[in-house]
Amino acid sequence: MRATHLSVLGMRSLSMVSILLVTAGCAPMNQQWYPSEDEGASVRAAIRSQSVYPDGRPPSSVKPGMDGVAAKSSVDNYQKSFVLPTLPPLPVGTGGSSSGGSTGSTGSSGTTSGGTTGF
């Protein structure tokens, strides 16, 4: 009987503690949270260190390069590289079907009419 009494007391105290913890978690917060001035500074520093222009704009000086005629020629050659070449017409007698060709049927010897095996 004594063991049952202790287990009931243990269960009651455990349930009271769990109810107190749950209700404490649901209590409203009276303080407002405001981020500090340096919130996210490490992320901004990491982004700045990985960017090509950390100041946000490229330098204003123009570097010397190709003149306009050479640049146009290189762009034209680049565009021409995507054009498919046209194939010349096939000469007469090549490709296509011929009048004396094989039909694919085999005779008694196991060869087609062209003399090749039918496999």
PDB file of N, CA and C in Angstrom:
ATOM      1  N   MET A   1       0.822  -1.182   0.000  1.00  0.00           N
ATOM      2  CA  MET A   1       0.000   0.000   0.000  1.00  0.00           C
ATOM      3  C   MET A   1       0.869   1.249   0.000  1.00  0.00           C
ATOM      4  N   ARG A   2       1.963   1.190   0.658  1.00  0.00           N
ATOM      5  CA  ARG A   2       2.869   2.333   0.753  1.00  0.00           C
ATOM      6  C   ARG A   2       3.477   2.651  -0.621  1.00  0.00           C
ATOM      7  N   ALA A   3       3.821   1.645  -1.409  1.00  0.00           N
ATOM      8  CA  ALA A   3       4.413   1.863  -2.733  1.00  0.00           C
ATOM      9  C   ALA A   3       3.409   2.544  -3.665  1.00  0.00           C
ATOM     10  N   THR A   4       2.145   2.191  -3.540  1.00  0.00           N
ATOM     11  CA  THR A   4       1.124   2.805  -4.367  1.00  0.00           C
ATOM     12  C   THR A   4       0.958   4.270  -3.997  1.00  0.00           C
ATOM     13  N   HIS A   5       1.054   4.582  -2.726  1.00  0.00           N
ATOM     14  CA  HIS A   5       0.922   5.953  -2.264  1.00  0.00           C
ATOM     15  C   HIS A   5       2.057   6.814  -2.798  1.00  0.00           C
ATOM     16  N   LEU A   6       3.282   6.277  -2.833  1.00  0.00           N
ATOM     17  CA  LEU A   6       4.423   7.038  -3.350  1.00  0.00           C
ATOM     18  C   LEU A   6       4.324   7.245  -4.853  1.00  0.00           C
ATOM     19  N   SER A   7       3.840   6.267  -5.552  1.00  0.00           N
ATOM     20  CA  SER A   7       3.739   6.416  -7.001  1.00  0.00           C
ATOM     21  C   SER A   7       2.662   7.441  -7.368  1.00  0.00           C
ATOM     22  N   VAL A   8       1.587   7.496  -6.576  1.00  0.00           N
ATOM     23  CA  VAL A   8       0.554   8.493  -6.820  1.00  0.00           C
ATOM     24  C   VAL A   8       1.099   9.881  -6.530  1.00  0.00           C
ATOM     25  N   LEU A   9       1.868  10.037  -5.435  1.00  0.00           N
ATOM     26  CA  LEU A   9       2.468  11.331  -5.117  1.00  0.00           C
ATOM     27  C   LEU A   9       3.485  11.734  -6.185  1.00  0.00           C
ATOM     28  N   GLY A  10       4.239  10.768  -6.670  1.00  0.00           N
ATOM     29  CA  GLY A  10       5.214  11.063  -7.723  1.00  0.00           C
ATOM     30  C   GLY A  10       4.551  11.514  -9.005  1.00  0.00           C
ATOM     31  N   MET A  11       3.462  10.879  -9.356  1.00  0.00           N
ATOM     32  CA  MET A  11       2.732  11.245 -10.565  1.00  0.00           C
ATOM     33  C   MET A  11       2.099  12.626 -10.425  1.00  0.00           C
ATOM     34  N   ARG A  12       1.585  12.919  -9.247  1.00  0.00           N
ATOM     35  CA  ARG A  12       0.975  14.235  -9.027  1.00  0.00           C
ATOM     36  C   ARG A  12       2.033  15.337  -9.099  1.00  0.00           C
ATOM     37  N   SER A  13       3.171  15.104  -8.457  1.00  0.00           N
ATOM     38  CA  SER A  13       4.204  16.138  -8.481  1.00  0.00           C
ATOM     39  C   SER A  13       4.778  16.310  -9.887  1.00  0.00           C
ATOM     40  N   LEU A  14       4.912  15.230 -10.618  1.00  0.00           N
ATOM     41  CA  LEU A  14       5.402  15.315 -11.991  1.00  0.00           C
ATOM     42  C   LEU A  14       4.415  16.070 -12.877  1.00  0.00           C
ATOM     43  N   SER A  15       3.142  15.812 -12.703  1.00  0.00           N
ATOM     44  CA  SER A  15       2.150  16.523 -13.502  1.00  0.00           C
ATOM     45  C   SER A  15       2.088  18.000 -13.123  1.00  0.00           C
ATOM     46  N   MET A  16       2.252  18.328 -11.839  1.00  0.00           N
ATOM     47  CA  MET A  16       2.245  19.740 -11.423  1.00  0.00           C
ATOM     48  C   MET A  16       3.451  20.482 -11.998  1.00  0.00           C
ATOM     49  N   VAL A  17       4.610  19.856 -11.982  1.00  0.00           N
ATOM     50  CA  VAL A  17       5.814  20.494 -12.537  1.00  0.00           C
ATOM     51  C   VAL A  17       5.656  20.694 -14.034  1.00  0.00           C
ATOM     52  N   SER A  18       5.129  19.709 -14.733  1.00  0.00           N
ATOM     53  CA  SER A  18       4.960  19.856 -16.180  1.00  0.00           C
ATOM     54  C   SER A  18       3.922  20.929 -16.510  1.00  0.00           C
ATOM     55  N   ILE A  19       2.858  21.036 -15.729  1.00  0.00           N
ATOM     56  CA  ILE A  19       1.856  22.086 -15.956  1.00  0.00           C
ATOM     57  C   ILE A  19       2.472  23.461 -15.717  1.00  0.00           C
ATOM     58  N   LEU A  20       3.304  23.607 -14.694  1.00  0.00           N
ATOM     59  CA  LEU A  20       3.965  24.886 -14.427  1.00  0.00           C
ATOM     60  C   LEU A  20       4.911  25.265 -15.562  1.00  0.00           C
ATOM     61  N   LEU A  21       5.646  24.305 -16.082  1.00  0.00           N
ATOM     62  CA  LEU A  21       6.564  24.593 -17.187  1.00  0.00           C
ATOM     63  C   LEU A  21       5.815  24.992 -18.457  1.00  0.00           C
ATOM     64  N   VAL A  22       4.721  24.323 -18.733  1.00  0.00           N
ATOM     65  CA  VAL A  22       3.942  24.646 -19.927  1.00  0.00           C
ATOM     66  C   VAL A  22       3.317  26.026 -19.808  1.00  0.00           C
ATOM     67  N   THR A  23       2.746  26.341 -18.670  1.00  0.00           N
ATOM     68  CA  THR A  23       2.125  27.663 -18.517  1.00  0.00           C
ATOM     69  C   THR A  23       3.166  28.763 -18.481  1.00  0.00           C
ATOM     70  N   ALA A  24       4.368  28.482 -17.992  1.00  0.00           N
ATOM     71  CA  ALA A  24       5.422  29.507 -18.010  1.00  0.00           C
ATOM     72  C   ALA A  24       5.870  29.790 -19.437  1.00  0.00           C
ATOM     73  N   GLY A  25       5.842  28.771 -20.296  1.00  0.00           N
ATOM     74  CA  GLY A  25       6.203  28.979 -21.689  1.00  0.00           C
ATOM     75  C   GLY A  25       5.157  29.763 -22.449  1.00  0.00           C
ATOM     76  N   CYS A  26       3.926  29.769 -21.993  1.00  0.00           N
ATOM     77  CA  CYS A  26       2.851  30.492 -22.672  1.00  0.00           C
ATOM     78  C   CYS A  26       2.669  31.911 -22.134  1.00  0.00           C
ATOM     79  N   ALA A  27       3.430  32.272 -21.122  1.00  0.00           N
ATOM     80  CA  ALA A  27       3.282  33.602 -20.526  1.00  0.00           C
ATOM     81  C   ALA A  27       3.761  34.661 -21.514  1.00  0.00           C
ATOM     82  N   PRO A  28       3.070  35.801 -21.584  1.00  0.00           N
ATOM     83  CA  PRO A  28       3.479  36.851 -22.517  1.00  0.00           C
ATOM     84  C   PRO A  28       4.788  37.496 -22.077  1.00  0.00           C
ATOM     85  N   MET A  29       5.568  37.931 -23.056  1.00  0.00           N
ATOM     86  CA  MET A  29       6.829  38.605 -22.756  1.00  0.00           C
ATOM     87  C   MET A  29       6.556  40.105 -22.640  1.00  0.00           C
ATOM     88  N   ASN A  30       7.067  40.701 -21.630  1.00  0.00           N
ATOM     89  CA  ASN A  30       6.880  42.138 -21.448  1.00  0.00           C
ATOM     90  C   ASN A  30       7.975  42.947 -22.126  1.00  0.00           C
ATOM     91  N   GLN A  31       9.085  42.316 -22.446  1.00  0.00           N
ATOM     92  CA  GLN A  31      10.182  43.033 -23.093  1.00  0.00           C
ATOM     93  C   GLN A  31      10.082  42.898 -24.597  1.00  0.00           C
ATOM     94  N   GLN A  32      10.385  43.968 -25.293  1.00  0.00           N
ATOM     95  CA  GLN A  32      10.476  43.922 -26.742  1.00  0.00           C
ATOM     96  C   GLN A  32      11.931  43.681 -27.119  1.00  0.00           C
ATOM     97  N   TRP A  33      12.158  42.901 -28.157  1.00  0.00           N
ATOM     98  CA  TRP A  33      13.517  42.627 -28.604  1.00  0.00           C
ATOM     99  C   TRP A  33      13.834  43.527 -29.782  1.00  0.00           C
ATOM    100  N   TYR A  34      14.884  44.290 -29.651  1.00  0.00           N
ATOM    101  CA  TYR A  34      15.343  45.164 -30.716  1.00  0.00           C
ATOM    102  C   TYR A  34      16.742  44.737 -31.110  1.00  0.00           C
ATOM    103  N   PRO A  35      17.005  44.561 -32.408  1.00  0.00           N
ATOM    104  CA  PRO A  35      18.351  44.140 -32.819  1.00  0.00           C
ATOM    105  C   PRO A  35      19.359  45.254 -32.562  1.00  0.00           C
ATOM    106  N   SER A  36      20.571  44.846 -32.298  1.00  0.00           N
ATOM    107  CA  SER A  36      21.622  45.832 -32.043  1.00  0.00           C
ATOM    108  C   SER A  36      22.108  46.430 -33.361  1.00  0.00           C
ATOM    109  N   GLU A  37      22.930  47.446 -33.241  1.00  0.00           N
ATOM    110  CA  GLU A  37      23.439  48.147 -34.424  1.00  0.00           C
ATOM    111  C   GLU A  37      24.292  47.236 -35.301  1.00  0.00           C
ATOM    112  N   ASP A  38      25.043  46.335 -34.697  1.00  0.00           N
ATOM    113  CA  ASP A  38      25.950  45.500 -35.476  1.00  0.00           C
ATOM    114  C   ASP A  38      25.350  44.136 -35.815  1.00  0.00           C
ATOM    115  N   GLU A  39      24.044  44.012 -35.768  1.00  0.00           N
ATOM    116  CA  GLU A  39      23.380  42.760 -36.117  1.00  0.00           C
ATOM    117  C   GLU A  39      23.604  42.451 -37.601  1.00  0.00           C
ATOM    118  N   GLY A  40      24.180  41.302 -37.908  1.00  0.00           N
ATOM    119  CA  GLY A  40      24.444  40.897 -39.278  1.00  0.00           C
ATOM    120  C   GLY A  40      25.722  41.464 -39.860  1.00  0.00           C
ATOM    121  N   ALA A  41      26.575  42.047 -39.042  1.00  0.00           N
ATOM    122  CA  ALA A  41      27.814  42.643 -39.555  1.00  0.00           C
ATOM    123  C   ALA A  41      28.735  41.586 -40.142  1.00  0.00           C
ATOM    124  N   SER A  42      28.776  40.405 -39.552  1.00  0.00           N
ATOM    125  CA  SER A  42      29.659  39.361 -40.081  1.00  0.00           C
ATOM    126  C   SER A  42      29.184  38.879 -41.451  1.00  0.00           C
ATOM    127  N   VAL A  43      27.884  38.824 -41.656  1.00  0.00           N
ATOM    128  CA  VAL A  43      27.363  38.417 -42.961  1.00  0.00           C
ATOM    129  C   VAL A  43      27.676  39.476 -44.003  1.00  0.00           C
ATOM    130  N   ARG A  44      27.480  40.736 -43.666  1.00  0.00           N
ATOM    131  CA  ARG A  44      27.796  41.813 -44.609  1.00  0.00           C
ATOM    132  C   ARG A  44      29.281  41.843 -44.932  1.00  0.00           C
ATOM    133  N   ALA A  45      30.138  41.576 -43.950  1.00  0.00           N
ATOM    134  CA  ALA A  45      31.586  41.548 -44.197  1.00  0.00           C
ATOM    135  C   ALA A  45      31.959  40.384 -45.106  1.00  0.00           C
ATOM    136  N   ALA A  46      31.319  39.240 -44.926  1.00  0.00           N
ATOM    137  CA  ALA A  46      31.602  38.082 -45.787  1.00  0.00           C
ATOM    138  C   ALA A  46      31.173  38.352 -47.218  1.00  0.00           C
ATOM    139  N   ILE A  47      30.039  38.984 -47.416  1.00  0.00           N
ATOM    140  CA  ILE A  47      29.571  39.315 -48.763  1.00  0.00           C
ATOM    141  C   ILE A  47      30.508  40.326 -49.410  1.00  0.00           C
ATOM    142  N   ARG A  48      30.926  41.320 -48.657  1.00  0.00           N
ATOM    143  CA  ARG A  48      31.842  42.339 -49.178  1.00  0.00           C
ATOM    144  C   ARG A  48      33.181  41.727 -49.576  1.00  0.00           C
ATOM    145  N   SER A  49      33.666  40.757 -48.791  1.00  0.00           N
ATOM    146  CA  SER A  49      34.969  40.175 -49.097  1.00  0.00           C
ATOM    147  C   SER A  49      34.923  39.283 -50.329  1.00  0.00           C
ATOM    148  N   GLN A  50      33.752  38.814 -50.720  1.00  0.00           N
ATOM    149  CA  GLN A  50      33.636  37.927 -51.875  1.00  0.00           C
ATOM    150  C   GLN A  50      33.216  38.652 -53.141  1.00  0.00           C
ATOM    151  N   SER A  51      32.919  39.914 -53.068  1.00  0.00           N
ATOM    152  CA  SER A  51      32.459  40.626 -54.252  1.00  0.00           C
ATOM    153  C   SER A  51      33.641  41.204 -55.024  1.00  0.00           C
ATOM    154  N   VAL A  52      33.447  41.365 -56.331  1.00  0.00           N
ATOM    155  CA  VAL A  52      34.504  41.891 -57.183  1.00  0.00           C
ATOM    156  C   VAL A  52      34.727  43.370 -56.888  1.00  0.00           C
ATOM    157  N   TYR A  53      33.650  44.097 -56.760  1.00  0.00           N
ATOM    158  CA  TYR A  53      33.725  45.521 -56.443  1.00  0.00           C
ATOM    159  C   TYR A  53      33.070  45.748 -55.085  1.00  0.00           C
ATOM    160  N   PRO A  54      33.852  45.737 -53.996  1.00  0.00           N
ATOM    161  CA  PRO A  54      33.252  45.889 -52.672  1.00  0.00           C
ATOM    162  C   PRO A  54      32.550  47.230 -52.473  1.00  0.00           C
ATOM    163  N   ASP A  55      32.949  48.236 -53.225  1.00  0.00           N
ATOM    164  CA  ASP A  55      32.303  49.547 -53.084  1.00  0.00           C
ATOM    165  C   ASP A  55      30.966  49.592 -53.814  1.00  0.00           C
ATOM    166  N   GLY A  56      30.684  48.610 -54.630  1.00  0.00           N
ATOM    167  CA  GLY A  56      29.411  48.555 -55.305  1.00  0.00           C
ATOM    168  C   GLY A  56      29.415  49.041 -56.735  1.00  0.00           C
ATOM    169  N   ARG A  57      30.517  49.537 -57.250  1.00  0.00           N
ATOM    170  CA  ARG A  57      30.551  49.992 -58.636  1.00  0.00           C
ATOM    171  C   ARG A  57      31.940  49.738 -59.213  1.00  0.00           C
ATOM    172  N   PRO A  58      32.020  49.498 -60.506  1.00  0.00           N
ATOM    173  CA  PRO A  58      33.327  49.253 -61.124  1.00  0.00           C
ATOM    174  C   PRO A  58      34.114  50.558 -61.226  1.00  0.00           C
ATOM    175  N   PRO A  59      35.411  50.464 -61.377  1.00  0.00           N
ATOM    176  CA  PRO A  59      36.201  51.695 -61.521  1.00  0.00           C
ATOM    177  C   PRO A  59      35.808  52.444 -62.791  1.00  0.00           C
ATOM    178  N   SER A  60      35.928  53.750 -62.749  1.00  0.00           N
ATOM    179  CA  SER A  60      35.456  54.571 -63.872  1.00  0.00           C
ATOM    180  C   SER A  60      36.452  54.635 -65.014  1.00  0.00           C
ATOM    181  N   SER A  61      37.706  54.276 -64.807  1.00  0.00           N
ATOM    182  CA  SER A  61      38.681  54.367 -65.888  1.00  0.00           C
ATOM    183  C   SER A  61      38.446  53.243 -66.890  1.00  0.00           C
ATOM    184  N   VAL A  62      38.512  53.587 -68.167  1.00  0.00           N
ATOM    185  CA  VAL A  62      38.321  52.619 -69.232  1.00  0.00           C
ATOM    186  C   VAL A  62      39.675  52.033 -69.577  1.00  0.00           C
ATOM    187  N   LYS A  63      39.756  50.725 -69.588  1.00  0.00           N
ATOM    188  CA  LYS A  63      41.022  50.076 -69.917  1.00  0.00           C
ATOM    189  C   LYS A  63      41.135  49.973 -71.429  1.00  0.00           C
ATOM    190  N   PRO A  64      42.349  50.153 -71.947  1.00  0.00           N
ATOM    191  CA  PRO A  64      42.498  50.056 -73.399  1.00  0.00           C
ATOM    192  C   PRO A  64      42.281  48.622 -73.857  1.00  0.00           C
ATOM    193  N   GLY A  65      41.689  48.491 -75.034  1.00  0.00           N
ATOM    194  CA  GLY A  65      41.398  47.164 -75.569  1.00  0.00           C
ATOM    195  C   GLY A  65      41.380  47.206 -77.075  1.00  0.00           C
ATOM    196  N   MET A  66      40.526  46.442 -77.687  1.00  0.00           N
ATOM    197  CA  MET A  66      40.436  46.386 -79.144  1.00  0.00           C
ATOM    198  C   MET A  66      39.705  47.612 -79.674  1.00  0.00           C
ATOM    199  N   ASP A  67      40.039  47.960 -80.884  1.00  0.00           N
ATOM    200  CA  ASP A  67      39.304  49.040 -81.520  1.00  0.00           C
ATOM    201  C   ASP A  67      37.991  48.502 -82.077  1.00  0.00           C
ATOM    202  N   GLY A  68      37.153  49.351 -82.575  1.00  0.00           N
ATOM    203  CA  GLY A  68      35.815  48.963 -83.013  1.00  0.00           C
ATOM    204  C   GLY A  68      35.807  48.001 -84.184  1.00  0.00           C
ATOM    205  N   VAL A  69      36.732  48.180 -85.135  1.00  0.00           N
ATOM    206  CA  VAL A  69      36.757  47.326 -86.324  1.00  0.00           C
ATOM    207  C   VAL A  69      37.135  45.906 -85.939  1.00  0.00           C
ATOM    208  N   ALA A  70      38.145  45.755 -85.095  1.00  0.00           N
ATOM    209  CA  ALA A  70      38.575  44.414 -84.676  1.00  0.00           C
ATOM    210  C   ALA A  70      37.500  43.744 -83.816  1.00  0.00           C
ATOM    211  N   ALA A  71      36.831  44.536 -82.986  1.00  0.00           N
ATOM    212  CA  ALA A  71      35.775  43.968 -82.149  1.00  0.00           C
ATOM    213  C   ALA A  71      34.606  43.488 -83.001  1.00  0.00           C
ATOM    214  N   LYS A  72      34.223  44.277 -84.014  1.00  0.00           N
ATOM    215  CA  LYS A  72      33.125  43.864 -84.890  1.00  0.00           C
ATOM    216  C   LYS A  72      33.488  42.610 -85.655  1.00  0.00           C
ATOM    217  N   SER A  73      34.733  42.516 -86.106  1.00  0.00           N
ATOM    218  CA  SER A  73      35.167  41.334 -86.841  1.00  0.00           C
ATOM    219  C   SER A  73      35.118  40.090 -85.955  1.00  0.00           C
ATOM    220  N   SER A  74      35.540  40.221 -84.706  1.00  0.00           N
ATOM    221  CA  SER A  74      35.520  39.052 -83.812  1.00  0.00           C
ATOM    222  C   SER A  74      34.086  38.648 -83.466  1.00  0.00           C
ATOM    223  N   VAL A  75      33.197  39.612 -83.320  1.00  0.00           N
ATOM    224  CA  VAL A  75      31.795  39.290 -83.048  1.00  0.00           C
ATOM    225  C   VAL A  75      31.155  38.628 -84.263  1.00  0.00           C
ATOM    226  N   ASP A  76      31.467  39.106 -85.447  1.00  0.00           N
ATOM    227  CA  ASP A  76      30.930  38.495 -86.670  1.00  0.00           C
ATOM    228  C   ASP A  76      31.405  37.053 -86.813  1.00  0.00           C
ATOM    229  N   ASN A  77      32.694  36.811 -86.563  1.00  0.00           N
ATOM    230  CA  ASN A  77      33.210  35.441 -86.634  1.00  0.00           C
ATOM    231  C   ASN A  77      32.547  34.553 -85.592  1.00  0.00           C
ATOM    232  N   TYR A  78      32.291  35.082 -84.433  1.00  0.00           N
ATOM    233  CA  TYR A  78      31.619  34.326 -83.378  1.00  0.00           C
ATOM    234  C   TYR A  78      30.202  33.955 -83.812  1.00  0.00           C
ATOM    235  N   GLN A  79      29.492  34.900 -84.406  1.00  0.00           N
ATOM    236  CA  GLN A  79      28.130  34.630 -84.866  1.00  0.00           C
ATOM    237  C   GLN A  79      28.120  33.614 -86.009  1.00  0.00           C
ATOM    238  N   LYS A  80      29.109  33.676 -86.887  1.00  0.00           N
ATOM    239  CA  LYS A  80      29.174  32.741 -88.011  1.00  0.00           C
ATOM    240  C   LYS A  80      29.474  31.320 -87.544  1.00  0.00           C
ATOM    241  N   SER A  81      30.062  31.162 -86.361  1.00  0.00           N
ATOM    242  CA  SER A  81      30.398  29.821 -85.887  1.00  0.00           C
ATOM    243  C   SER A  81      29.152  29.015 -85.536  1.00  0.00           C
ATOM    244  N   PHE A  82      28.013  29.653 -85.398  1.00  0.00           N
ATOM    245  CA  PHE A  82      26.789  28.948 -85.063  1.00  0.00           C
ATOM    246  C   PHE A  82      25.968  28.547 -86.290  1.00  0.00           C
ATOM    247  N   VAL A  83      26.362  28.978 -87.464  1.00  0.00           N
ATOM    248  CA  VAL A  83      25.638  28.655 -88.690  1.00  0.00           C
ATOM    249  C   VAL A  83      26.044  27.255 -89.125  1.00  0.00           C
ATOM    250  N   LEU A  84      25.045  26.413 -89.422  1.00  0.00           N
ATOM    251  CA  LEU A  84      25.327  25.061 -89.902  1.00  0.00           C
ATOM    252  C   LEU A  84      25.749  25.122 -91.357  1.00  0.00           C
ATOM    253  N   PRO A  85      26.783  24.382 -91.710  1.00  0.00           N
ATOM    254  CA  PRO A  85      27.192  24.395 -93.116  1.00  0.00           C
ATOM    255  C   PRO A  85      26.162  23.665 -93.968  1.00  0.00           C
ATOM    256  N   THR A  86      26.000  24.138 -95.204  1.00  0.00           N
ATOM    257  CA  THR A  86      25.075  23.469 -96.106  1.00  0.00           C
ATOM    258  C   THR A  86      25.815  22.335 -96.799  1.00  0.00           C
ATOM    259  N   LEU A  87      25.157  21.209 -96.931  1.00  0.00           N
ATOM    260  CA  LEU A  87      25.765  20.052 -97.570  1.00  0.00           C
ATOM    261  C   LEU A  87      25.566  20.131 -99.070  1.00  0.00           C
ATOM    262  N   PRO A  88      26.585  19.724 -99.839  1.00  0.00           N
ATOM    263  CA  PRO A  88      26.403  19.719-101.300  1.00  0.00           C
ATOM    264  C   PRO A  88      25.426  18.620-101.683  1.00  0.00           C
ATOM    265  N   PRO A  89      24.756  18.751-102.814  1.00  0.00           N
ATOM    266  CA  PRO A  89      23.809  17.711-103.228  1.00  0.00           C
ATOM    267  C   PRO A  89      24.542  16.405-103.499  1.00  0.00           C
ATOM    268  N   LEU A  90      23.863  15.298-103.247  1.00  0.00           N
ATOM    269  CA  LEU A  90      24.462  13.987-103.471  1.00  0.00           C
ATOM    270  C   LEU A  90      24.566  13.715-104.966  1.00  0.00           C
ATOM    271  N   PRO A  91      25.680  13.106-105.405  1.00  0.00           N
ATOM    272  CA  PRO A  91      25.781  12.759-106.831  1.00  0.00           C
ATOM    273  C   PRO A  91      24.781  11.667-107.190  1.00  0.00           C
ATOM    274  N   VAL A  92      24.452  11.589-108.456  1.00  0.00           N
ATOM    275  CA  VAL A  92      23.473  10.620-108.947  1.00  0.00           C
ATOM    276  C   VAL A  92      24.037   9.220-108.771  1.00  0.00           C
ATOM    277  N   GLY A  93      23.219   8.317-108.265  1.00  0.00           N
ATOM    278  CA  GLY A  93      23.625   6.929-108.152  1.00  0.00           C
ATOM    279  C   GLY A  93      24.101   6.550-106.756  1.00  0.00           C
ATOM    280  N   THR A  94      24.226   7.471-105.862  1.00  0.00           N
ATOM    281  CA  THR A  94      24.632   7.131-104.498  1.00  0.00           C
ATOM    282  C   THR A  94      23.466   7.386-103.570  1.00  0.00           C
ATOM    283  N   GLY A  95      23.331   6.563-102.572  1.00  0.00           N
ATOM    284  CA  GLY A  95      22.249   6.730-101.626  1.00  0.00           C
ATOM    285  C   GLY A  95      20.927   6.367-102.263  1.00  0.00           C
ATOM    286  N   GLY A  96      19.879   6.413-101.514  1.00  0.00           N
ATOM    287  CA  GLY A  96      18.558   6.122-102.053  1.00  0.00           C
ATOM    288  C   GLY A  96      18.417   4.650-102.405  1.00  0.00           C
ATOM    289  N   SER A  97      17.376   4.307-103.143  1.00  0.00           N
ATOM    290  CA  SER A  97      17.133   2.905-103.504  1.00  0.00           C
ATOM    291  C   SER A  97      17.562   2.671-104.941  1.00  0.00           C
ATOM    292  N   SER A  98      18.027   1.479-105.208  1.00  0.00           N
ATOM    293  CA  SER A  98      18.400   1.110-106.569  1.00  0.00           C
ATOM    294  C   SER A  98      17.381   0.116-107.102  1.00  0.00           C
ATOM    295  N   SER A  99      17.274   0.022-108.412  1.00  0.00           N
ATOM    296  CA  SER A  99      16.255  -0.840-109.001  1.00  0.00           C
ATOM    297  C   SER A  99      16.581  -2.314-108.832  1.00  0.00           C
ATOM    298  N   GLY A 100      17.838  -2.704-108.747  1.00  0.00           N
ATOM    299  CA  GLY A 100      18.195  -4.109-108.648  1.00  0.00           C
ATOM    300  C   GLY A 100      18.612  -4.503-107.250  1.00  0.00           C
ATOM    301  N   GLY A 101      18.235  -3.743-106.269  1.00  0.00           N
ATOM    302  CA  GLY A 101      18.682  -4.013-104.898  1.00  0.00           C
ATOM    303  C   GLY A 101      17.980  -5.192-104.284  1.00  0.00           C
ATOM    304  N   SER A 102      18.410  -5.566-103.117  1.00  0.00           N
ATOM    305  CA  SER A 102      17.829  -6.722-102.450  1.00  0.00           C
ATOM    306  C   SER A 102      16.537  -6.329-101.752  1.00  0.00           C
ATOM    307  N   THR A 103      15.639  -7.271-101.630  1.00  0.00           N
ATOM    308  CA  THR A 103      14.365  -7.031-100.977  1.00  0.00           C
ATOM    309  C   THR A 103      14.371  -7.526 -99.553  1.00  0.00           C
ATOM    310  N   GLY A 104      15.392  -8.229 -99.169  1.00  0.00           N
ATOM    311  CA  GLY A 104      15.480  -8.722 -97.814  1.00  0.00           C
ATOM    312  C   GLY A 104      14.877 -10.090 -97.640  1.00  0.00           C
ATOM    313  N   SER A 105      14.281 -10.685 -98.680  1.00  0.00           N
ATOM    314  CA  SER A 105      13.715 -12.019 -98.559  1.00  0.00           C
ATOM    315  C   SER A 105      14.804 -13.050 -98.811  1.00  0.00           C
ATOM    316  N   THR A 106      14.725 -14.131 -98.142  1.00  0.00           N
ATOM    317  CA  THR A 106      15.750 -15.157 -98.293  1.00  0.00           C
ATOM    318  C   THR A 106      15.213 -16.284 -99.144  1.00  0.00           C
ATOM    319  N   GLY A 107      16.110 -16.891 -99.882  1.00  0.00           N
ATOM    320  CA  GLY A 107      15.748 -18.052-100.688  1.00  0.00           C
ATOM    321  C   GLY A 107      16.029 -19.316 -99.908  1.00  0.00           C
ATOM    322  N   SER A 108      16.151 -20.412-100.611  1.00  0.00           N
ATOM    323  CA  SER A 108      16.401 -21.691 -99.953  1.00  0.00           C
ATOM    324  C   SER A 108      17.817 -21.792 -99.435  1.00  0.00           C
ATOM    325  N   SER A 109      18.744 -20.993-100.007  1.00  0.00           N
ATOM    326  CA  SER A 109      20.125 -21.094 -99.558  1.00  0.00           C
ATOM    327  C   SER A 109      20.405 -20.194 -98.362  1.00  0.00           C
ATOM    328  N   GLY A 110      19.474 -19.352 -97.923  1.00  0.00           N
ATOM    329  CA  GLY A 110      19.678 -18.492 -96.760  1.00  0.00           C
ATOM    330  C   GLY A 110      20.333 -17.182 -97.095  1.00  0.00           C
ATOM    331  N   THR A 111      20.439 -16.855 -98.383  1.00  0.00           N
ATOM    332  CA  THR A 111      21.038 -15.588 -98.781  1.00  0.00           C
ATOM    333  C   THR A 111      20.010 -14.755 -99.497  1.00  0.00           C
ATOM    334  N   THR A 112      20.223 -13.439 -99.520  1.00  0.00           N
ATOM    335  CA  THR A 112      19.312 -12.574-100.255  1.00  0.00           C
ATOM    336  C   THR A 112      19.685 -12.600-101.718  1.00  0.00           C
ATOM    337  N   SER A 113      18.888 -11.940-102.547  1.00  0.00           N
ATOM    338  CA  SER A 113      19.145 -11.962-103.973  1.00  0.00           C
ATOM    339  C   SER A 113      20.447 -11.262-104.324  1.00  0.00           C
ATOM    340  N   GLY A 114      20.979 -10.424-103.410  1.00  0.00           N
ATOM    341  CA  GLY A 114      22.235  -9.733-103.676  1.00  0.00           C
ATOM    342  C   GLY A 114      23.447 -10.593-103.356  1.00  0.00           C
ATOM    343  N   GLY A 115      23.251 -11.780-102.769  1.00  0.00           N
ATOM    344  CA  GLY A 115      24.356 -12.659-102.497  1.00  0.00           C
ATOM    345  C   GLY A 115      24.871 -12.535-101.071  1.00  0.00           C
ATOM    346  N   THR A 116      24.280 -11.683-100.251  1.00  0.00           N
ATOM    347  CA  THR A 116      24.730 -11.547 -98.863  1.00  0.00           C
ATOM    348  C   THR A 116      23.808 -12.326 -97.961  1.00  0.00           C
ATOM    349  N   THR A 117      24.251 -12.619 -96.801  1.00  0.00           N
ATOM    350  CA  THR A 117      23.407 -13.366 -95.873  1.00  0.00           C
ATOM    351  C   THR A 117      22.283 -12.473 -95.382  1.00  0.00           C
ATOM    352  N   GLY A 118      21.190 -13.067 -95.014  1.00  0.00           N
ATOM    353  CA  GLY A 118      20.012 -12.307 -94.611  1.00  0.00           C
ATOM    354  C   GLY A 118      19.978 -11.946 -93.156  1.00  0.00           C
ATOM    355  N   PHE A 119      21.088 -11.988 -92.464  1.00  0.00           N
ATOM    356  CA  PHE A 119      21.102 -11.669 -91.018  1.00  0.00           C
ATOM    357  C   PHE A 119      21.399 -10.261 -90.775  1.00  0.00           C
TER     358      PHE A 119
END
